[in-house]
């Protein structure tokens, strides 16, 4: 389970470009990530977890189409 302090520590590391983050815990621990990209992906996951803990649901809605008139019942 992540805390806001964990998110803040990771954001600070990403902002400064370092790959090692120390989380205060408990337990206190240091983690070295492989890349800034992996850290950004973890930040997105952390944000979703924190939103869930707060009772907020996070979702993404996507819509696609393959040209005009491709949706059933639609005439262009």
PDB file of N, CA and C in Angstrom:
ATOM      1  N   UNK A   1       0.842  -1.171   0.000  1.00  0.00           N
ATOM      2  CA  UNK A   1       0.000   0.000   0.000  1.00  0.00           C
ATOM      3  C   UNK A   1       0.897   1.248   0.000  1.00  0.00           C
ATOM      4  N   UNK A   2       0.640   2.145  -0.910  1.00  0.00           N
ATOM      5  CA  UNK A   2       1.440   3.351  -1.051  1.00  0.00           C
ATOM      6  C   UNK A   2       0.860   4.478  -0.217  1.00  0.00           C
ATOM      7  N   UNK A   3       1.725   5.395   0.166  1.00  0.00           N
ATOM      8  CA  UNK A   3       1.286   6.595   0.877  1.00  0.00           C
ATOM      9  C   UNK A   3       1.617   7.817   0.027  1.00  0.00           C
ATOM     10  N   UNK A   4       1.045   8.951   0.405  1.00  0.00           N
ATOM     11  CA  UNK A   4       1.344  10.187  -0.310  1.00  0.00           C
ATOM     12  C   UNK A   4       2.833  10.525  -0.162  1.00  0.00           C
ATOM     13  N   UNK A   5       3.432  10.187   0.975  1.00  0.00           N
ATOM     14  CA  UNK A   5       4.868  10.430   1.174  1.00  0.00           C
ATOM     15  C   UNK A   5       5.699   9.622   0.175  1.00  0.00           C
ATOM     16  N   UNK A   6       5.264   8.385  -0.127  1.00  0.00           N
ATOM     17  CA  UNK A   6       5.963   7.565  -1.127  1.00  0.00           C
ATOM     18  C   UNK A   6       5.889   8.224  -2.506  1.00  0.00           C
ATOM     19  N   UNK A   7       4.711   8.697  -2.844  1.00  0.00           N
ATOM     20  CA  UNK A   7       4.524   9.375  -4.136  1.00  0.00           C
ATOM     21  C   UNK A   7       5.404  10.618  -4.205  1.00  0.00           C
ATOM     22  N   UNK A   8       5.409  11.397  -3.134  1.00  0.00           N
ATOM     23  CA  UNK A   8       6.210  12.619  -3.112  1.00  0.00           C
ATOM     24  C   UNK A   8       7.702  12.317  -3.262  1.00  0.00           C
ATOM     25  N   UNK A   9       8.176  11.256  -2.605  1.00  0.00           N
ATOM     26  CA  UNK A   9       9.592  10.879  -2.707  1.00  0.00           C
ATOM     27  C   UNK A   9       9.942  10.471  -4.133  1.00  0.00           C
ATOM     28  N   UNK A  10       9.065   9.710  -4.769  1.00  0.00           N
ATOM     29  CA  UNK A  10       9.331   9.268  -6.135  1.00  0.00           C
ATOM     30  C   UNK A  10       9.270  10.439  -7.107  1.00  0.00           C
ATOM     31  N   UNK A  11       8.306  11.335  -6.916  1.00  0.00           N
ATOM     32  CA  UNK A  11       8.222  12.526  -7.777  1.00  0.00           C
ATOM     33  C   UNK A  11       9.481  13.378  -7.663  1.00  0.00           C
ATOM     34  N   UNK A  12       9.977  13.538  -6.452  1.00  0.00           N
ATOM     35  CA  UNK A  12      11.195  14.327  -6.247  1.00  0.00           C
ATOM     36  C   UNK A  12      12.374  13.690  -6.964  1.00  0.00           C
ATOM     37  N   UNK A  13      12.478  12.375  -6.903  1.00  0.00           N
ATOM     38  CA  UNK A  13      13.574  11.683  -7.578  1.00  0.00           C
ATOM     39  C   UNK A  13      13.470  11.834  -9.093  1.00  0.00           C
ATOM     40  N   UNK A  14      12.269  11.657  -9.629  1.00  0.00           N
ATOM     41  CA  UNK A  14      12.067  11.818 -11.073  1.00  0.00           C
ATOM     42  C   UNK A  14      12.423  13.246 -11.483  1.00  0.00           C
ATOM     43  N   UNK A  15      11.983  14.211 -10.695  1.00  0.00           N
ATOM     44  CA  UNK A  15      12.257  15.616 -11.004  1.00  0.00           C
ATOM     45  C   UNK A  15      13.738  15.953 -11.001  1.00  0.00           C
ATOM     46  N   UNK A  16      14.510  15.260 -10.180  1.00  0.00           N
ATOM     47  CA  UNK A  16      15.941  15.537 -10.120  1.00  0.00           C
ATOM     48  C   UNK A  16      16.757  14.605 -11.009  1.00  0.00           C
ATOM     49  N   UNK A  17      16.101  13.590 -11.591  1.00  0.00           N
ATOM     50  CA  UNK A  17      16.775  12.701 -12.529  1.00  0.00           C
ATOM     51  C   UNK A  17      17.583  11.584 -11.900  1.00  0.00           C
ATOM     52  N   UNK A  18      17.392  11.339 -10.601  1.00  0.00           N
ATOM     53  CA  UNK A  18      18.119  10.243  -9.952  1.00  0.00           C
ATOM     54  C   UNK A  18      17.278   8.969  -9.997  1.00  0.00           C
ATOM     55  N   UNK A  19      17.940   7.830  -9.971  1.00  0.00           N
ATOM     56  CA  UNK A  19      17.244   6.549 -10.068  1.00  0.00           C
ATOM     57  C   UNK A  19      17.058   5.843  -8.726  1.00  0.00           C
ATOM     58  N   UNK A  20      17.676   6.363  -7.663  1.00  0.00           N
ATOM     59  CA  UNK A  20      17.547   5.747  -6.345  1.00  0.00           C
ATOM     60  C   UNK A  20      16.656   6.606  -5.461  1.00  0.00           C
ATOM     61  N   UNK A  21      15.674   5.957  -4.844  1.00  0.00           N
ATOM     62  CA  UNK A  21      14.703   6.640  -3.989  1.00  0.00           C
ATOM     63  C   UNK A  21      14.739   5.983  -2.616  1.00  0.00           C
ATOM     64  N   UNK A  22      14.716   6.816  -1.576  1.00  0.00           N
ATOM     65  CA  UNK A  22      14.618   6.299  -0.212  1.00  0.00           C
ATOM     66  C   UNK A  22      13.223   6.579   0.298  1.00  0.00           C
ATOM     67  N   UNK A  23      12.523   5.510   0.663  1.00  0.00           N
ATOM     68  CA  UNK A  23      11.179   5.609   1.224  1.00  0.00           C
ATOM     69  C   UNK A  23      11.305   5.508   2.736  1.00  0.00           C
ATOM     70  N   UNK A  24      10.638   6.390   3.466  1.00  0.00           N
ATOM     71  CA  UNK A  24      10.771   6.426   4.920  1.00  0.00           C
ATOM     72  C   UNK A  24      10.106   5.259   5.622  1.00  0.00           C
ATOM     73  N   UNK A  25       9.105   4.658   4.989  1.00  0.00           N
ATOM     74  CA  UNK A  25       8.526   3.435   5.545  1.00  0.00           C
ATOM     75  C   UNK A  25       7.475   3.659   6.602  1.00  0.00           C
ATOM     76  N   UNK A  26       7.209   2.720   7.444  1.00  0.00           N
ATOM     77  CA  UNK A  26       8.044   1.573   7.766  1.00  0.00           C
ATOM     78  C   UNK A  26       7.880   0.454   6.746  1.00  0.00           C
ATOM     79  N   UNK A  27       8.871  -0.304   6.491  1.00  0.00           N
ATOM     80  CA  UNK A  27      10.261  -0.102   6.892  1.00  0.00           C
ATOM     81  C   UNK A  27      10.941   0.912   5.980  1.00  0.00           C
ATOM     82  N   UNK A  28      11.967   1.553   6.484  1.00  0.00           N
ATOM     83  CA  UNK A  28      12.746   2.486   5.661  1.00  0.00           C
ATOM     84  C   UNK A  28      13.537   1.652   4.663  1.00  0.00           C
ATOM     85  N   UNK A  29      13.490   2.050   3.404  1.00  0.00           N
ATOM     86  CA  UNK A  29      14.149   1.271   2.372  1.00  0.00           C
ATOM     87  C   UNK A  29      14.588   2.163   1.217  1.00  0.00           C
ATOM     88  N   UNK A  30      15.594   1.749   0.506  1.00  0.00           N
ATOM     89  CA  UNK A  30      16.066   2.437  -0.697  1.00  0.00           C
ATOM     90  C   UNK A  30      15.869   1.509  -1.877  1.00  0.00           C
ATOM     91  N   UNK A  31      15.393   2.072  -2.973  1.00  0.00           N
ATOM     92  CA  UNK A  31      15.147   1.301  -4.184  1.00  0.00           C
ATOM     93  C   UNK A  31      15.840   2.007  -5.347  1.00  0.00           C
ATOM     94  N   UNK A  32      16.563   1.240  -6.155  1.00  0.00           N
ATOM     95  CA  UNK A  32      17.174   1.783  -7.368  1.00  0.00           C
ATOM     96  C   UNK A  32      16.398   1.248  -8.561  1.00  0.00           C
ATOM     97  N   UNK A  33      15.836   2.152  -9.347  1.00  0.00           N
ATOM     98  CA  UNK A  33      15.030   1.787 -10.511  1.00  0.00           C
ATOM     99  C   UNK A  33      15.914   1.714 -11.753  1.00  0.00           C
ATOM    100  N   UNK A  34      15.433   1.009 -12.770  1.00  0.00           N
ATOM    101  CA  UNK A  34      16.211   0.811 -13.990  1.00  0.00           C
ATOM    102  C   UNK A  34      16.208   2.040 -14.897  1.00  0.00           C
ATOM    103  N   UNK A  35      15.100   2.803 -14.852  1.00  0.00           N
ATOM    104  CA  UNK A  35      15.004   3.952 -15.750  1.00  0.00           C
ATOM    105  C   UNK A  35      13.978   4.950 -15.219  1.00  0.00           C
ATOM    106  N   UNK A  36      14.052   6.163 -15.729  1.00  0.00           N
ATOM    107  CA  UNK A  36      13.046   7.165 -15.387  1.00  0.00           C
ATOM    108  C   UNK A  36      11.679   6.756 -15.916  1.00  0.00           C
ATOM    109  N   UNK A  37      11.674   6.045 -17.046  1.00  0.00           N
ATOM    110  CA  UNK A  37      10.411   5.576 -17.623  1.00  0.00           C
ATOM    111  C   UNK A  37       9.705   4.611 -16.666  1.00  0.00           C
ATOM    112  N   UNK A  38      10.461   3.709 -16.053  1.00  0.00           N
ATOM    113  CA  UNK A  38       9.848   2.774 -15.106  1.00  0.00           C
ATOM    114  C   UNK A  38       9.351   3.504 -13.859  1.00  0.00           C
ATOM    115  N   UNK A  39      10.046   4.554 -13.475  1.00  0.00           N
ATOM    116  CA  UNK A  39       9.614   5.350 -12.324  1.00  0.00           C
ATOM    117  C   UNK A  39       8.307   6.088 -12.641  1.00  0.00           C
ATOM    118  N   UNK A  40       8.210   6.618 -13.852  1.00  0.00           N
ATOM    119  CA  UNK A  40       6.974   7.309 -14.257  1.00  0.00           C
ATOM    120  C   UNK A  40       5.799   6.333 -14.310  1.00  0.00           C
ATOM    121  N   UNK A  41       6.047   5.125 -14.775  1.00  0.00           N
ATOM    122  CA  UNK A  41       4.985   4.109 -14.818  1.00  0.00           C
ATOM    123  C   UNK A  41       4.531   3.766 -13.404  1.00  0.00           C
ATOM    124  N   UNK A  42       5.480   3.656 -12.486  1.00  0.00           N
ATOM    125  CA  UNK A  42       5.120   3.380 -11.098  1.00  0.00           C
ATOM    126  C   UNK A  42       4.337   4.542 -10.498  1.00  0.00           C
ATOM    127  N   UNK A  43       4.705   5.769 -10.829  1.00  0.00           N
ATOM    128  CA  UNK A  43       3.949   6.927 -10.338  1.00  0.00           C
ATOM    129  C   UNK A  43       2.488   6.862 -10.766  1.00  0.00           C
ATOM    130  N   UNK A  44       2.249   6.473 -12.006  1.00  0.00           N
ATOM    131  CA  UNK A  44       0.874   6.350 -12.495  1.00  0.00           C
ATOM    132  C   UNK A  44       0.120   5.279 -11.713  1.00  0.00           C
ATOM    133  N   UNK A  45       0.780   4.170 -11.447  1.00  0.00           N
ATOM    134  CA  UNK A  45       0.168   3.097 -10.676  1.00  0.00           C
ATOM    135  C   UNK A  45      -0.119   3.540  -9.244  1.00  0.00           C
ATOM    136  N   UNK A  46       0.838   4.251  -8.654  1.00  0.00           N
ATOM    137  CA  UNK A  46       0.660   4.761  -7.287  1.00  0.00           C
ATOM    138  C   UNK A  46      -0.545   5.701  -7.210  1.00  0.00           C
ATOM    139  N   UNK A  47      -0.677   6.575  -8.206  1.00  0.00           N
ATOM    140  CA  UNK A  47      -1.792   7.525  -8.219  1.00  0.00           C
ATOM    141  C   UNK A  47      -3.121   6.785  -8.257  1.00  0.00           C
ATOM    142  N   UNK A  48      -3.190   5.721  -9.046  1.00  0.00           N
ATOM    143  CA  UNK A  48      -4.411   4.916  -9.111  1.00  0.00           C
ATOM    144  C   UNK A  48      -4.707   4.241  -7.783  1.00  0.00           C
ATOM    145  N   UNK A  49      -3.670   3.717  -7.136  1.00  0.00           N
ATOM    146  CA  UNK A  49      -3.839   3.064  -5.834  1.00  0.00           C
ATOM    147  C   UNK A  49      -4.312   4.057  -4.778  1.00  0.00           C
ATOM    148  N   UNK A  50      -3.710   5.248  -4.768  1.00  0.00           N
ATOM    149  CA  UNK A  50      -4.117   6.256  -3.784  1.00  0.00           C
ATOM    150  C   UNK A  50      -5.548   6.716  -4.017  1.00  0.00           C
ATOM    151  N   UNK A  51      -5.934   6.845  -5.290  1.00  0.00           N
ATOM    152  CA  UNK A  51      -7.309   7.236  -5.602  1.00  0.00           C
ATOM    153  C   UNK A  51      -8.288   6.170  -5.124  1.00  0.00           C
ATOM    154  N   UNK A  52      -7.911   4.907  -5.292  1.00  0.00           N
ATOM    155  CA  UNK A  52      -8.753   3.805  -4.834  1.00  0.00           C
ATOM    156  C   UNK A  52      -8.876   3.812  -3.317  1.00  0.00           C
ATOM    157  N   UNK A  53      -7.779   4.069  -2.620  1.00  0.00           N
ATOM    158  CA  UNK A  53      -7.793   4.138  -1.165  1.00  0.00           C
ATOM    159  C   UNK A  53      -8.696   5.261  -0.681  1.00  0.00           C
ATOM    160  N   UNK A  54      -8.743   6.356  -1.443  1.00  0.00           N
ATOM    161  CA  UNK A  54      -9.549   7.511  -1.065  1.00  0.00           C
ATOM    162  C   UNK A  54     -11.007   7.328  -1.475  1.00  0.00           C
ATOM    163  N   UNK A  55     -11.305   6.205  -2.145  1.00  0.00           N
ATOM    164  CA  UNK A  55     -12.679   5.954  -2.554  1.00  0.00           C
ATOM    165  C   UNK A  55     -13.031   6.550  -3.894  1.00  0.00           C
ATOM    166  N   UNK A  56     -12.037   7.028  -4.603  1.00  0.00           N
ATOM    167  CA  UNK A  56     -12.257   7.592  -5.937  1.00  0.00           C
ATOM    168  C   UNK A  56     -11.894   6.533  -6.956  1.00  0.00           C
ATOM    169  N   UNK A  57     -12.695   6.412  -7.978  1.00  0.00           N
ATOM    170  CA  UNK A  57     -12.423   5.449  -9.032  1.00  0.00           C
ATOM    171  C   UNK A  57     -11.783   6.170 -10.203  1.00  0.00           C
ATOM    172  N   UNK A  58     -10.685   5.642 -10.665  1.00  0.00           N
ATOM    173  CA  UNK A  58      -9.989   6.201 -11.810  1.00  0.00           C
ATOM    174  C   UNK A  58     -10.234   5.300 -13.012  1.00  0.00           C
ATOM    175  N   UNK A  59     -10.614   5.884 -14.146  1.00  0.00           N
ATOM    176  CA  UNK A  59     -10.833   5.086 -15.340  1.00  0.00           C
ATOM    177  C   UNK A  59     -10.515   5.906 -16.572  1.00  0.00           C
ATOM    178  N   UNK A  60     -10.305   5.213 -17.655  1.00  0.00           N
ATOM    179  CA  UNK A  60     -10.041   5.838 -18.941  1.00  0.00           C
ATOM    180  C   UNK A  60     -11.073   5.330 -19.932  1.00  0.00           C
ATOM    181  N   UNK A  61     -11.637   6.236 -20.705  1.00  0.00           N
ATOM    182  CA  UNK A  61     -12.635   5.882 -21.701  1.00  0.00           C
ATOM    183  C   UNK A  61     -12.050   6.175 -23.074  1.00  0.00           C
ATOM    184  N   UNK A  62     -12.088   5.197 -23.935  1.00  0.00           N
ATOM    185  CA  UNK A  62     -11.565   5.379 -25.288  1.00  0.00           C
ATOM    186  C   UNK A  62     -12.646   5.009 -26.299  1.00  0.00           C
ATOM    187  N   UNK A  63     -12.694   5.765 -27.378  1.00  0.00           N
ATOM    188  CA  UNK A  63     -13.633   5.465 -28.461  1.00  0.00           C
ATOM    189  C   UNK A  63     -12.869   5.530 -29.775  1.00  0.00           C
ATOM    190  N   UNK A  64     -13.139   4.598 -30.643  1.00  0.00           N
ATOM    191  CA  UNK A  64     -12.485   4.587 -31.948  1.00  0.00           C
ATOM    192  C   UNK A  64     -13.529   4.323 -33.019  1.00  0.00           C
ATOM    193  N   UNK A  65     -13.183   4.662 -34.230  1.00  0.00           N
ATOM    194  CA  UNK A  65     -14.049   4.325 -35.360  1.00  0.00           C
ATOM    195  C   UNK A  65     -13.182   4.171 -36.597  1.00  0.00           C
ATOM    196  N   UNK A  66     -13.728   3.493 -37.562  1.00  0.00           N
ATOM    197  CA  UNK A  66     -12.965   3.170 -38.765  1.00  0.00           C
ATOM    198  C   UNK A  66     -13.598   3.864 -39.964  1.00  0.00           C
ATOM    199  N   UNK A  67     -13.670   5.161 -39.906  1.00  0.00           N
ATOM    200  CA  UNK A  67     -14.237   5.900 -41.017  1.00  0.00           C
ATOM    201  C   UNK A  67     -15.690   6.242 -40.785  1.00  0.00           C
ATOM    202  N   UNK A  68     -16.247   7.029 -41.670  1.00  0.00           N
ATOM    203  CA  UNK A  68     -17.640   7.470 -41.544  1.00  0.00           C
ATOM    204  C   UNK A  68     -18.604   6.324 -41.762  1.00  0.00           C
ATOM    205  N   UNK A  69     -19.683   6.333 -41.022  1.00  0.00           N
ATOM    206  CA  UNK A  69     -20.735   5.358 -41.211  1.00  0.00           C
ATOM    207  C   UNK A  69     -20.405   3.968 -40.718  1.00  0.00           C
ATOM    208  N   UNK A  70     -19.321   3.843 -39.952  1.00  0.00           N
ATOM    209  CA  UNK A  70     -18.941   2.501 -39.516  1.00  0.00           C
ATOM    210  C   UNK A  70     -19.625   2.091 -38.208  1.00  0.00           C
ATOM    211  N   UNK A  71     -20.266   3.045 -37.540  1.00  0.00           N
ATOM    212  CA  UNK A  71     -20.982   2.707 -36.315  1.00  0.00           C
ATOM    213  C   UNK A  71     -22.374   2.218 -36.689  1.00  0.00           C
ATOM    214  N   UNK A  72     -22.832   1.158 -36.068  1.00  0.00           N
ATOM    215  CA  UNK A  72     -24.168   0.641 -36.383  1.00  0.00           C
ATOM    216  C   UNK A  72     -25.240   1.721 -36.159  1.00  0.00           C
ATOM    217  N   UNK A  73     -26.139   1.819 -37.125  1.00  0.00           N
ATOM    218  CA  UNK A  73     -27.238   2.774 -37.009  1.00  0.00           C
ATOM    219  C   UNK A  73     -26.866   4.194 -37.361  1.00  0.00           C
ATOM    220  N   UNK A  74     -25.638   4.423 -37.772  1.00  0.00           N
ATOM    221  CA  UNK A  74     -25.208   5.773 -38.113  1.00  0.00           C
ATOM    222  C   UNK A  74     -25.055   5.896 -39.620  1.00  0.00           C
ATOM    223  N   UNK A  75     -25.665   6.904 -40.157  1.00  0.00           N
ATOM    224  CA  UNK A  75     -25.544   7.141 -41.604  1.00  0.00           C
ATOM    225  C   UNK A  75     -24.983   8.532 -41.818  1.00  0.00           C
ATOM    226  N   UNK A  76     -23.889   8.632 -42.518  1.00  0.00           N
ATOM    227  CA  UNK A  76     -23.261   9.927 -42.799  1.00  0.00           C
ATOM    228  C   UNK A  76     -23.481  10.314 -44.230  1.00  0.00           C
TER     229      UNK A  76
END
